[in-house]
Protein backbone atom coordinates (compact mmCIF):
# COMPACT_ATOMS: atom_id res chain seq x y z
CA UNK A 1 138.18 99.75 257.16
CA UNK A 2 140.80 101.95 255.86
CA UNK A 3 141.47 98.84 253.24
CA UNK A 4 137.88 99.37 252.16
CA UNK A 5 137.74 103.00 251.60
CA UNK A 6 141.07 102.67 249.75
CA UNK A 7 139.67 99.70 247.44
CA UNK A 8 136.38 101.89 247.15
CA UNK A 9 138.02 105.13 246.26
CA UNK A 10 140.40 103.42 243.45
CA UNK A 11 137.48 101.96 241.87
CA UNK A 12 135.57 105.27 241.74
CA UNK A 13 138.79 107.13 240.49
CA UNK A 14 138.76 104.11 237.75
CA UNK A 15 135.44 104.85 236.74
CA UNK A 16 135.61 108.48 236.50
CA UNK A 17 138.99 108.05 234.11
CA UNK A 18 136.85 105.54 232.08
CA UNK A 19 133.87 108.03 231.66
CA UNK A 20 136.42 110.97 231.35
CA UNK A 21 137.69 109.34 228.12
CA UNK A 22 134.38 109.18 226.85
CA UNK A 23 132.96 112.13 225.07
CA UNK A 24 129.47 111.85 226.80
CA UNK A 25 130.70 111.79 230.51
CA UNK A 26 127.83 113.35 232.22
CA UNK A 27 125.24 111.54 229.98
CA UNK A 28 127.46 108.33 230.76
CA UNK A 29 127.64 108.76 234.64
CA UNK A 30 123.93 110.01 235.05
CA UNK A 31 122.76 106.72 232.79
CA UNK A 32 124.97 104.37 234.81
CA UNK A 33 123.82 105.62 238.20
CA UNK A 34 120.18 105.48 237.00
CA UNK A 35 120.51 102.11 236.03
CA UNK A 36 122.07 100.97 239.25
CA UNK A 37 119.35 102.62 241.10
CA UNK A 38 116.72 101.06 239.02
CA UNK A 39 118.44 97.44 239.32
CA UNK A 40 118.84 97.74 243.02
CA UNK A 41 114.82 98.51 243.27
CA UNK A 42 114.26 95.78 241.17
CA UNK A 43 116.18 93.40 243.26
CA UNK A 44 114.20 94.54 246.20
CA UNK A 45 110.62 94.41 244.52
CA UNK A 46 111.22 91.01 242.97
CA UNK A 47 113.32 89.57 245.78
CA UNK A 48 110.48 89.39 248.37
CA UNK A 49 109.09 86.84 245.89
CA UNK A 50 112.47 84.72 245.48
CA UNK A 51 113.81 85.48 249.01
CA UNK A 52 116.78 87.62 248.05
CA UNK A 53 117.06 91.48 249.25
CA UNK A 54 119.79 93.96 249.61
CA UNK A 55 119.38 96.58 252.39
CA UNK A 56 119.21 100.15 251.21
CA UNK A 57 122.05 101.71 252.90
CA UNK A 58 124.35 104.74 251.65
CA UNK A 59 127.01 102.00 250.65
CA UNK A 60 124.50 99.88 248.72
CA UNK A 61 123.11 102.98 246.88
CA UNK A 62 126.79 104.39 246.22
CA UNK A 63 127.99 100.84 245.00
CA UNK A 64 125.06 100.64 242.84
CA UNK A 65 125.15 104.25 241.41
CA UNK A 66 128.71 103.80 240.64
CA UNK A 67 128.91 100.38 239.27
CA UNK A 68 125.60 100.07 237.80
CA UNK A 69 124.03 96.92 237.45
CA UNK A 70 127.37 94.87 237.92
CA UNK A 71 127.52 96.78 241.24
CA UNK A 72 124.00 95.16 242.06
CA UNK A 73 125.32 91.80 240.96
CA UNK A 74 128.61 92.46 243.11
CA UNK A 75 126.25 93.40 246.07
CA UNK A 76 124.08 90.14 245.52
CA UNK A 77 127.32 88.03 245.31
CA UNK A 78 128.71 89.39 248.68
CA UNK A 79 125.26 89.07 250.34
CA UNK A 80 125.50 85.18 249.11
CA UNK A 81 129.14 84.78 250.34
CA UNK A 82 128.41 86.57 253.71
CA UNK A 83 125.25 84.25 254.45
């Protein structure tokens, strides 16, 4: 469990460094988080028809907020590998 927390923390730190170098730090973080949350909602809305769904938990919301659409794709891949 500690390794998972270290991986998440290093990923979040990498994203903060990436956005910190950009001049539009807050708008970049805000739009990435908004895009990730919209992608998570879209997967859950369309997933009923396709048989794919993601649980809305603090972990999935954090990954989709920090990672955006690639974070949601990562969650879908992890769901596929775990099943």
